[in-house]
mmCIF file of all heavy atoms, coordinates in Angstrom:
data_MODEL
# 
_entry.id   MODEL 
# 
loop_
_atom_site.group_PDB 
_atom_site.id 
_atom_site.type_symbol 
_atom_site.label_atom_id 
_atom_site.label_alt_id 
_atom_site.label_comp_id 
_atom_site.label_asym_id 
_atom_site.label_entity_id 
_atom_site.label_seq_id 
_atom_site.pdbx_PDB_ins_code 
_atom_site.Cartn_x 
_atom_site.Cartn_y 
_atom_site.Cartn_z 
_atom_site.occupancy 
_atom_site.B_iso_or_equiv 
_atom_site.pdbx_formal_charge 
_atom_site.auth_seq_id 
_atom_site.auth_comp_id 
_atom_site.auth_asym_id 
_atom_site.auth_atom_id 
_atom_site.pdbx_PDB_model_num 
ATOM 1   N N   . PRO A 1 1  ? -18.756 143.073 -21.134 1.00 0.00 ? 1  PRO A N   1 
ATOM 2   C CA  . PRO A 1 1  ? -17.913 142.055 -21.771 1.00 0.00 ? 1  PRO A CA  1 
ATOM 3   C C   . PRO A 1 1  ? -16.619 141.888 -20.977 1.00 0.00 ? 1  PRO A C   1 
ATOM 4   O O   . PRO A 1 1  ? -16.052 142.870 -20.478 1.00 0.00 ? 1  PRO A O   1 
ATOM 5   C CB  . PRO A 1 1  ? -17.643 142.656 -23.163 1.00 0.00 ? 1  PRO A CB  1 
ATOM 6   C CG  . PRO A 1 1  ? -18.808 143.573 -23.422 1.00 0.00 ? 1  PRO A CG  1 
ATOM 7   C CD  . PRO A 1 1  ? -19.162 144.134 -22.072 1.00 0.00 ? 1  PRO A CD  1 
ATOM 8   N N   . ALA A 1 2  ? -16.182 140.652 -20.841 1.00 0.00 ? 2  ALA A N   1 
ATOM 9   C CA  . ALA A 1 2  ? -15.053 140.339 -19.960 1.00 0.00 ? 2  ALA A CA  1 
ATOM 10  C C   . ALA A 1 2  ? -13.802 141.142 -20.292 1.00 0.00 ? 2  ALA A C   1 
ATOM 11  O O   . ALA A 1 2  ? -13.103 141.639 -19.388 1.00 0.00 ? 2  ALA A O   1 
ATOM 12  C CB  . ALA A 1 2  ? -14.762 138.845 -20.029 1.00 0.00 ? 2  ALA A CB  1 
ATOM 13  N N   . GLU A 1 3  ? -13.492 141.304 -21.566 1.00 0.00 ? 3  GLU A N   1 
ATOM 14  C CA  . GLU A 1 3  ? -12.280 142.030 -21.952 1.00 0.00 ? 3  GLU A CA  1 
ATOM 15  C C   . GLU A 1 3  ? -12.369 143.496 -21.540 1.00 0.00 ? 3  GLU A C   1 
ATOM 16  O O   . GLU A 1 3  ? -11.406 144.068 -20.995 1.00 0.00 ? 3  GLU A O   1 
ATOM 17  C CB  . GLU A 1 3  ? -12.064 141.922 -23.463 1.00 0.00 ? 3  GLU A CB  1 
ATOM 18  C CG  . GLU A 1 3  ? -10.792 142.607 -23.934 1.00 0.00 ? 3  GLU A CG  1 
ATOM 19  C CD  . GLU A 1 3  ? -10.575 142.461 -25.443 1.00 0.00 ? 3  GLU A CD  1 
ATOM 20  O OE1 . GLU A 1 3  ? -11.327 141.707 -26.087 1.00 0.00 ? 3  GLU A OE1 1 
ATOM 21  O OE2 . GLU A 1 3  ? -9.647  143.115 -25.951 1.00 0.00 ? 3  GLU A OE2 1 
ATOM 22  N N   . LEU A 1 4  ? -13.535 144.096 -21.756 1.00 0.00 ? 4  LEU A N   1 
ATOM 23  C CA  . LEU A 1 4  ? -13.715 145.496 -21.367 1.00 0.00 ? 4  LEU A CA  1 
ATOM 24  C C   . LEU A 1 4  ? -13.683 145.647 -19.847 1.00 0.00 ? 4  LEU A C   1 
ATOM 25  O O   . LEU A 1 4  ? -13.157 146.631 -19.323 1.00 0.00 ? 4  LEU A O   1 
ATOM 26  C CB  . LEU A 1 4  ? -15.040 146.034 -21.919 1.00 0.00 ? 4  LEU A CB  1 
ATOM 27  C CG  . LEU A 1 4  ? -15.081 146.322 -23.416 1.00 0.00 ? 4  LEU A CG  1 
ATOM 28  C CD1 . LEU A 1 4  ? -16.453 146.831 -23.821 1.00 0.00 ? 4  LEU A CD1 1 
ATOM 29  C CD2 . LEU A 1 4  ? -14.019 147.340 -23.799 1.00 0.00 ? 4  LEU A CD2 1 
ATOM 30  N N   . ARG A 1 5  ? -14.251 144.662 -19.151 1.00 0.00 ? 5  ARG A N   1 
ATOM 31  C CA  . ARG A 1 5  ? -14.240 144.715 -17.701 1.00 0.00 ? 5  ARG A CA  1 
ATOM 32  C C   . ARG A 1 5  ? -12.799 144.725 -17.175 1.00 0.00 ? 5  ARG A C   1 
ATOM 33  O O   . ARG A 1 5  ? -12.461 145.493 -16.263 1.00 0.00 ? 5  ARG A O   1 
ATOM 34  C CB  . ARG A 1 5  ? -14.994 143.510 -17.131 1.00 0.00 ? 5  ARG A CB  1 
ATOM 35  C CG  . ARG A 1 5  ? -15.086 143.486 -15.623 1.00 0.00 ? 5  ARG A CG  1 
ATOM 36  C CD  . ARG A 1 5  ? -16.153 144.424 -15.124 1.00 0.00 ? 5  ARG A CD  1 
ATOM 37  N NE  . ARG A 1 5  ? -15.667 145.285 -14.075 1.00 0.00 ? 5  ARG A NE  1 
ATOM 38  C CZ  . ARG A 1 5  ? -16.449 146.083 -13.351 1.00 0.00 ? 5  ARG A CZ  1 
ATOM 39  N NH1 . ARG A 1 5  ? -17.750 146.121 -13.586 1.00 0.00 ? 5  ARG A NH1 1 
ATOM 40  N NH2 . ARG A 1 5  ? -15.952 146.852 -12.426 1.00 0.00 ? 5  ARG A NH2 1 
ATOM 41  N N   . ALA A 1 6  ? -11.962 143.886 -17.754 1.00 0.00 ? 6  ALA A N   1 
ATOM 42  C CA  . ALA A 1 6  ? -10.564 143.826 -17.327 1.00 0.00 ? 6  ALA A CA  1 
ATOM 43  C C   . ALA A 1 6  ? -9.857  145.138 -17.620 1.00 0.00 ? 6  ALA A C   1 
ATOM 44  O O   . ALA A 1 6  ? -9.044  145.622 -16.808 1.00 0.00 ? 6  ALA A O   1 
ATOM 45  C CB  . ALA A 1 6  ? -9.860  142.662 -18.021 1.00 0.00 ? 6  ALA A CB  1 
ATOM 46  N N   . GLN A 1 7  ? -10.143 145.732 -18.773 1.00 0.00 ? 7  GLN A N   1 
ATOM 47  C CA  . GLN A 1 7  ? -9.529  147.013 -19.122 1.00 0.00 ? 7  GLN A CA  1 
ATOM 48  C C   . GLN A 1 7  ? -9.961  148.107 -18.147 1.00 0.00 ? 7  GLN A C   1 
ATOM 49  O O   . GLN A 1 7  ? -9.140  148.937 -17.722 1.00 0.00 ? 7  GLN A O   1 
ATOM 50  C CB  . GLN A 1 7  ? -9.907  147.404 -20.551 1.00 0.00 ? 7  GLN A CB  1 
ATOM 51  C CG  . GLN A 1 7  ? -9.319  146.510 -21.625 1.00 0.00 ? 7  GLN A CG  1 
ATOM 52  C CD  . GLN A 1 7  ? -9.859  146.844 -23.009 1.00 0.00 ? 7  GLN A CD  1 
ATOM 53  O OE1 . GLN A 1 7  ? -10.554 147.848 -23.210 1.00 0.00 ? 7  GLN A OE1 1 
ATOM 54  N NE2 . GLN A 1 7  ? -9.556  145.992 -23.983 1.00 0.00 ? 7  GLN A NE2 1 
ATOM 55  N N   . TYR A 1 8  ? -11.237 148.106 -17.802 1.00 0.00 ? 8  TYR A N   1 
ATOM 56  C CA  . TYR A 1 8  ? -11.730 149.129 -16.886 1.00 0.00 ? 8  TYR A CA  1 
ATOM 57  C C   . TYR A 1 8  ? -11.130 148.947 -15.490 1.00 0.00 ? 8  TYR A C   1 
ATOM 58  O O   . TYR A 1 8  ? -10.709 149.927 -14.856 1.00 0.00 ? 8  TYR A O   1 
ATOM 59  C CB  . TYR A 1 8  ? -13.259 149.089 -16.800 1.00 0.00 ? 8  TYR A CB  1 
ATOM 60  C CG  . TYR A 1 8  ? -13.805 150.099 -15.811 1.00 0.00 ? 8  TYR A CG  1 
ATOM 61  C CD1 . TYR A 1 8  ? -13.793 151.453 -16.103 1.00 0.00 ? 8  TYR A CD1 1 
ATOM 62  C CD2 . TYR A 1 8  ? -14.273 149.699 -14.553 1.00 0.00 ? 8  TYR A CD2 1 
ATOM 63  C CE1 . TYR A 1 8  ? -14.243 152.386 -15.184 1.00 0.00 ? 8  TYR A CE1 1 
ATOM 64  C CE2 . TYR A 1 8  ? -14.731 150.621 -13.630 1.00 0.00 ? 8  TYR A CE2 1 
ATOM 65  C CZ  . TYR A 1 8  ? -14.712 151.972 -13.951 1.00 0.00 ? 8  TYR A CZ  1 
ATOM 66  O OH  . TYR A 1 8  ? -15.144 152.886 -13.038 1.00 0.00 ? 8  TYR A OH  1 
ATOM 67  N N   . ASP A 1 9  ? -11.086 147.717 -15.020 1.00 0.00 ? 9  ASP A N   1 
ATOM 68  C CA  . ASP A 1 9  ? -10.535 147.456 -13.686 1.00 0.00 ? 9  ASP A CA  1 
ATOM 69  C C   . ASP A 1 9  ? -9.095  147.958 -13.569 1.00 0.00 ? 9  ASP A C   1 
ATOM 70  O O   . ASP A 1 9  ? -8.652  148.373 -12.491 1.00 0.00 ? 9  ASP A O   1 
ATOM 71  C CB  . ASP A 1 9  ? -10.590 145.964 -13.369 1.00 0.00 ? 9  ASP A CB  1 
ATOM 72  C CG  . ASP A 1 9  ? -12.015 145.479 -13.101 1.00 0.00 ? 9  ASP A CG  1 
ATOM 73  O OD1 . ASP A 1 9  ? -12.913 146.325 -12.944 1.00 0.00 ? 9  ASP A OD1 1 
ATOM 74  O OD2 . ASP A 1 9  ? -12.223 144.250 -13.054 1.00 0.00 ? 9  ASP A OD2 1 
ATOM 75  N N   . ALA A 1 10 ? -8.378  147.938 -14.686 1.00 0.00 ? 10 ALA A N   1 
ATOM 76  C CA  . ALA A 1 10 ? -6.974  148.347 -14.676 1.00 0.00 ? 10 ALA A CA  1 
ATOM 77  C C   . ALA A 1 10 ? -6.808  149.861 -14.519 1.00 0.00 ? 10 ALA A C   1 
ATOM 78  O O   . ALA A 1 10 ? -5.730  150.325 -14.139 1.00 0.00 ? 10 ALA A O   1 
ATOM 79  C CB  . ALA A 1 10 ? -6.289  147.879 -15.957 1.00 0.00 ? 10 ALA A CB  1 
ATOM 80  N N   . ILE A 1 11 ? -7.853  150.638 -14.791 1.00 0.00 ? 11 ILE A N   1 
ATOM 81  C CA  . ILE A 1 11 ? -7.708  152.104 -14.743 1.00 0.00 ? 11 ILE A CA  1 
ATOM 82  C C   . ILE A 1 11 ? -8.487  152.737 -13.593 1.00 0.00 ? 11 ILE A C   1 
ATOM 83  O O   . ILE A 1 11 ? -8.434  153.954 -13.404 1.00 0.00 ? 11 ILE A O   1 
ATOM 84  C CB  . ILE A 1 11 ? -8.155  152.751 -16.068 1.00 0.00 ? 11 ILE A CB  1 
ATOM 85  C CG1 . ILE A 1 11 ? -9.652  152.537 -16.305 1.00 0.00 ? 11 ILE A CG1 1 
ATOM 86  C CG2 . ILE A 1 11 ? -7.332  152.218 -17.238 1.00 0.00 ? 11 ILE A CG2 1 
ATOM 87  C CD1 . ILE A 1 11 ? -10.216 153.369 -17.450 1.00 0.00 ? 11 ILE A CD1 1 
ATOM 88  N N   . ARG A 1 12 ? -9.207  151.925 -12.805 1.00 0.00 ? 12 ARG A N   1 
ATOM 89  C CA  . ARG A 1 12 ? -10.028 152.488 -11.729 1.00 0.00 ? 12 ARG A CA  1 
ATOM 90  C C   . ARG A 1 12 ? -9.165  153.235 -10.709 1.00 0.00 ? 12 ARG A C   1 
ATOM 91  O O   . ARG A 1 12 ? -8.050  152.834 -10.405 1.00 0.00 ? 12 ARG A O   1 
ATOM 92  C CB  . ARG A 1 12 ? -10.794 151.386 -10.988 1.00 0.00 ? 12 ARG A CB  1 
ATOM 93  C CG  . ARG A 1 12 ? -11.879 150.717 -11.779 1.00 0.00 ? 12 ARG A CG  1 
ATOM 94  C CD  . ARG A 1 12 ? -12.574 149.635 -10.966 1.00 0.00 ? 12 ARG A CD  1 
ATOM 95  N NE  . ARG A 1 12 ? -13.288 150.197 -9.813  1.00 0.00 ? 12 ARG A NE  1 
ATOM 96  C CZ  . ARG A 1 12 ? -12.941 150.006 -8.550  1.00 0.00 ? 12 ARG A CZ  1 
ATOM 97  N NH1 . ARG A 1 12 ? -11.893 149.258 -8.250  1.00 0.00 ? 12 ARG A NH1 1 
ATOM 98  N NH2 . ARG A 1 12 ? -13.660 150.549 -7.571  1.00 0.00 ? 12 ARG A NH2 1 
ATOM 99  N N   . THR A 1 13 ? -9.731  154.320 -10.177 1.00 0.00 ? 13 THR A N   1 
ATOM 100 C CA  . THR A 1 13 ? -9.094  155.035 -9.078  1.00 0.00 ? 13 THR A CA  1 
ATOM 101 C C   . THR A 1 13 ? -9.206  154.181 -7.817  1.00 0.00 ? 13 THR A C   1 
ATOM 102 O O   . THR A 1 13 ? -10.247 153.564 -7.581  1.00 0.00 ? 13 THR A O   1 
ATOM 103 C CB  . THR A 1 13 ? -9.789  156.393 -8.865  1.00 0.00 ? 13 THR A CB  1 
ATOM 104 O OG1 . THR A 1 13 ? -9.770  157.123 -10.090 1.00 0.00 ? 13 THR A OG1 1 
ATOM 105 C CG2 . THR A 1 13 ? -9.085  157.200 -7.792  1.00 0.00 ? 13 THR A CG2 1 
ATOM 106 N N   . PRO A 1 14 ? -8.180  154.137 -6.978  1.00 0.00 ? 14 PRO A N   1 
ATOM 107 C CA  . PRO A 1 14 ? -8.204  153.265 -5.788  1.00 0.00 ? 14 PRO A CA  1 
ATOM 108 C C   . PRO A 1 14 ? -9.344  153.595 -4.825  1.00 0.00 ? 14 PRO A C   1 
ATOM 109 O O   . PRO A 1 14 ? -9.777  154.742 -4.707  1.00 0.00 ? 14 PRO A O   1 
ATOM 110 C CB  . PRO A 1 14 ? -6.843  153.526 -5.138  1.00 0.00 ? 14 PRO A CB  1 
ATOM 111 C CG  . PRO A 1 14 ? -5.969  154.000 -6.247  1.00 0.00 ? 14 PRO A CG  1 
ATOM 112 C CD  . PRO A 1 14 ? -6.865  154.777 -7.159  1.00 0.00 ? 14 PRO A CD  1 
ATOM 113 N N   . PHE A 1 15 ? -9.778  152.565 -4.112  1.00 0.00 ? 15 PHE A N   1 
ATOM 114 C CA  . PHE A 1 15 ? -10.850 152.672 -3.121  1.00 0.00 ? 15 PHE A CA  1 
ATOM 115 C C   . PHE A 1 15 ? -10.566 153.746 -2.078  1.00 0.00 ? 15 PHE A C   1 
ATOM 116 O O   . PHE A 1 15 ? -11.464 154.454 -1.625  1.00 0.00 ? 15 PHE A O   1 
ATOM 117 C CB  . PHE A 1 15 ? -11.033 151.307 -2.451  1.00 0.00 ? 15 PHE A CB  1 
ATOM 118 C CG  . PHE A 1 15 ? -12.053 151.272 -1.350  1.00 0.00 ? 15 PHE A CG  1 
ATOM 119 C CD1 . PHE A 1 15 ? -13.403 151.184 -1.635  1.00 0.00 ? 15 PHE A CD1 1 
ATOM 120 C CD2 . PHE A 1 15 ? -11.658 151.300 -0.014  1.00 0.00 ? 15 PHE A CD2 1 
ATOM 121 C CE1 . PHE A 1 15 ? -14.355 151.134 -0.618  1.00 0.00 ? 15 PHE A CE1 1 
ATOM 122 C CE2 . PHE A 1 15 ? -12.606 151.251 1.006   1.00 0.00 ? 15 PHE A CE2 1 
ATOM 123 C CZ  . PHE A 1 15 ? -13.945 151.174 0.695   1.00 0.00 ? 15 PHE A CZ  1 
ATOM 124 N N   . ALA A 1 16 ? -9.298  153.896 -1.702  1.00 0.00 ? 16 ALA A N   1 
ATOM 125 C CA  . ALA A 1 16 ? -8.942  154.862 -0.668  1.00 0.00 ? 16 ALA A CA  1 
ATOM 126 C C   . ALA A 1 16 ? -9.335  156.284 -1.044  1.00 0.00 ? 16 ALA A C   1 
ATOM 127 O O   . ALA A 1 16 ? -9.593  157.116 -0.178  1.00 0.00 ? 16 ALA A O   1 
ATOM 128 C CB  . ALA A 1 16 ? -7.440  154.796 -0.392  1.00 0.00 ? 16 ALA A CB  1 
ATOM 129 N N   . GLU A 1 17 ? -9.395  156.572 -2.337  1.00 0.00 ? 17 GLU A N   1 
ATOM 130 C CA  . GLU A 1 17 ? -9.787  157.908 -2.793  1.00 0.00 ? 17 GLU A CA  1 
ATOM 131 C C   . GLU A 1 17 ? -11.292 158.032 -2.998  1.00 0.00 ? 17 GLU A C   1 
ATOM 132 O O   . GLU A 1 17 ? -11.903 159.041 -2.628  1.00 0.00 ? 17 GLU A O   1 
ATOM 133 C CB  . GLU A 1 17 ? -9.078  158.266 -4.102  1.00 0.00 ? 17 GLU A CB  1 
ATOM 134 C CG  . GLU A 1 17 ? -9.488  159.640 -4.645  1.00 0.00 ? 17 GLU A CG  1 
ATOM 135 C CD  . GLU A 1 17 ? -8.853  159.965 -5.986  1.00 0.00 ? 17 GLU A CD  1 
ATOM 136 O OE1 . GLU A 1 17 ? -7.752  159.446 -6.273  1.00 0.00 ? 17 GLU A OE1 1 
ATOM 137 O OE2 . GLU A 1 17 ? -9.461  160.745 -6.757  1.00 0.00 ? 17 GLU A OE2 1 
ATOM 138 N N   . THR A 1 18 ? -11.904 156.998 -3.586  1.00 0.00 ? 18 THR A N   1 
ATOM 139 C CA  . THR A 1 18 ? -13.307 157.121 -4.002  1.00 0.00 ? 18 THR A CA  1 
ATOM 140 C C   . THR A 1 18 ? -14.306 156.528 -3.014  1.00 0.00 ? 18 THR A C   1 
ATOM 141 O O   . THR A 1 18 ? -15.482 156.880 -3.044  1.00 0.00 ? 18 THR A O   1 
ATOM 142 C CB  . THR A 1 18 ? -13.522 156.421 -5.351  1.00 0.00 ? 18 THR A CB  1 
ATOM 143 O OG1 . THR A 1 18 ? -13.283 155.004 -5.185  1.00 0.00 ? 18 THR A OG1 1 
ATOM 144 C CG2 . THR A 1 18 ? -12.601 156.976 -6.430  1.00 0.00 ? 18 THR A CG2 1 
ATOM 145 N N   . GLY A 1 19 ? -13.845 155.584 -2.159  1.00 0.00 ? 19 GLY A N   1 
ATOM 146 C CA  . GLY A 1 19 ? -14.796 154.862 -1.320  1.00 0.00 ? 19 GLY A CA  1 
ATOM 147 C C   . GLY A 1 19 ? -15.704 153.954 -2.119  1.00 0.00 ? 19 GLY A C   1 
ATOM 148 O O   . GLY A 1 19 ? -16.698 153.443 -1.597  1.00 0.00 ? 19 GLY A O   1 
ATOM 149 N N   . SER A 1 20 ? -15.380 153.717 -3.388  1.00 0.00 ? 20 SER A N   1 
ATOM 150 C CA  . SER A 1 20 ? -16.178 152.844 -4.254  1.00 0.00 ? 20 SER A CA  1 
ATOM 151 C C   . SER A 1 20 ? -15.502 151.485 -4.364  1.00 0.00 ? 20 SER A C   1 
ATOM 152 O O   . SER A 1 20 ? -14.400 151.385 -4.915  1.00 0.00 ? 20 SER A O   1 
ATOM 153 C CB  . SER A 1 20 ? -16.305 153.436 -5.670  1.00 0.00 ? 20 SER A CB  1 
ATOM 154 O OG  . SER A 1 20 ? -17.044 154.612 -5.682  1.00 0.00 ? 20 SER A OG  1 
ATOM 155 N N   . PRO A 1 21 ? -16.130 150.426 -3.869  1.00 0.00 ? 21 PRO A N   1 
ATOM 156 C CA  . PRO A 1 21 ? -15.559 149.094 -4.069  1.00 0.00 ? 21 PRO A CA  1 
ATOM 157 C C   . PRO A 1 21 ? -15.698 148.680 -5.525  1.00 0.00 ? 21 PRO A C   1 
ATOM 158 O O   . PRO A 1 21 ? -16.511 149.237 -6.270  1.00 0.00 ? 21 PRO A O   1 
ATOM 159 C CB  . PRO A 1 21 ? -16.420 148.210 -3.164  1.00 0.00 ? 21 PRO A CB  1 
ATOM 160 C CG  . PRO A 1 21 ? -17.730 148.929 -3.067  1.00 0.00 ? 21 PRO A CG  1 
ATOM 161 C CD  . PRO A 1 21 ? -17.404 150.395 -3.137  1.00 0.00 ? 21 PRO A CD  1 
ATOM 162 N N   . ASN A 1 22 ? -14.904 147.737 -5.920  1.00 0.00 ? 22 ASN A N   1 
ATOM 163 C CA  . ASN A 1 22 ? -14.984 147.205 -7.284  1.00 0.00 ? 22 ASN A CA  1 
ATOM 164 C C   . ASN A 1 22 ? -16.168 146.241 -7.344  1.00 0.00 ? 22 ASN A C   1 
ATOM 165 O O   . ASN A 1 22 ? -16.090 145.109 -6.889  1.00 0.00 ? 22 ASN A O   1 
ATOM 166 C CB  . ASN A 1 22 ? -13.685 146.484 -7.644  1.00 0.00 ? 22 ASN A CB  1 
ATOM 167 C CG  . ASN A 1 22 ? -13.624 146.125 -9.123  1.00 0.00 ? 22 ASN A CG  1 
ATOM 168 O OD1 . ASN A 1 22 ? -14.600 146.293 -9.845  1.00 0.00 ? 22 ASN A OD1 1 
ATOM 169 N ND2 . ASN A 1 22 ? -12.484 145.640 -9.556  1.00 0.00 ? 22 ASN A ND2 1 
ATOM 170 N N   . LEU A 1 23 ? -17.269 146.710 -7.911  1.00 0.00 ? 23 LEU A N   1 
ATOM 171 C CA  . LEU A 1 23 ? -18.520 145.959 -7.883  1.00 0.00 ? 23 LEU A CA  1 
ATOM 172 C C   . LEU A 1 23 ? -18.791 145.292 -9.224  1.00 0.00 ? 23 LEU A C   1 
ATOM 173 O O   . LEU A 1 23 ? -18.280 145.719 -10.263 1.00 0.00 ? 23 LEU A O   1 
ATOM 174 C CB  . LEU A 1 23 ? -19.671 146.902 -7.523  1.00 0.00 ? 23 LEU A CB  1 
ATOM 175 C CG  . LEU A 1 23 ? -19.570 147.551 -6.133  1.00 0.00 ? 23 LEU A CG  1 
ATOM 176 C CD1 . LEU A 1 23 ? -20.666 148.591 -5.941  1.00 0.00 ? 23 LEU A CD1 1 
ATOM 177 C CD2 . LEU A 1 23 ? -19.638 146.503 -5.041  1.00 0.00 ? 23 LEU A CD2 1 
ATOM 178 N N   . PRO A 1 24 ? -19.615 144.247 -9.214  1.00 0.00 ? 24 PRO A N   1 
ATOM 179 C CA  . PRO A 1 24 ? -19.893 143.532 -10.461 1.00 0.00 ? 24 PRO A CA  1 
ATOM 180 C C   . PRO A 1 24 ? -20.797 144.330 -11.393 1.00 0.00 ? 24 PRO A C   1 
ATOM 181 O O   . PRO A 1 24 ? -21.389 145.344 -11.016 1.00 0.00 ? 24 PRO A O   1 
ATOM 182 C CB  . PRO A 1 24 ? -20.598 142.258 -9.981  1.00 0.00 ? 24 PRO A CB  1 
ATOM 183 C CG  . PRO A 1 24 ? -21.228 142.647 -8.686  1.00 0.00 ? 24 PRO A CG  1 
ATOM 184 C CD  . PRO A 1 24 ? -20.283 143.632 -8.060  1.00 0.00 ? 24 PRO A CD  1 
ATOM 185 N N   . ALA A 1 25 ? -20.877 143.824 -12.624 1.00 0.00 ? 25 ALA A N   1 
ATOM 186 C CA  . ALA A 1 25 ? -21.754 144.397 -13.654 1.00 0.00 ? 25 ALA A CA  1 
ATOM 187 C C   . ALA A 1 25 ? -21.499 145.903 -13.776 1.00 0.00 ? 25 ALA A C   1 
ATOM 188 O O   . ALA A 1 25 ? -20.353 146.339 -13.798 1.00 0.00 ? 25 ALA A O   1 
ATOM 189 C CB  . ALA A 1 25 ? -23.212 144.073 -13.339 1.00 0.00 ? 25 ALA A CB  1 
# 
C-alpha cells in the first residue's frame, strides 16, 4: 500500500551500508 511504502522508505538503511537499492514491490 502506498502509505506503508512511503513509511518504509523513510526508515530504510542507506545503500552505502546495505548494498540494497530501493526496489519496487
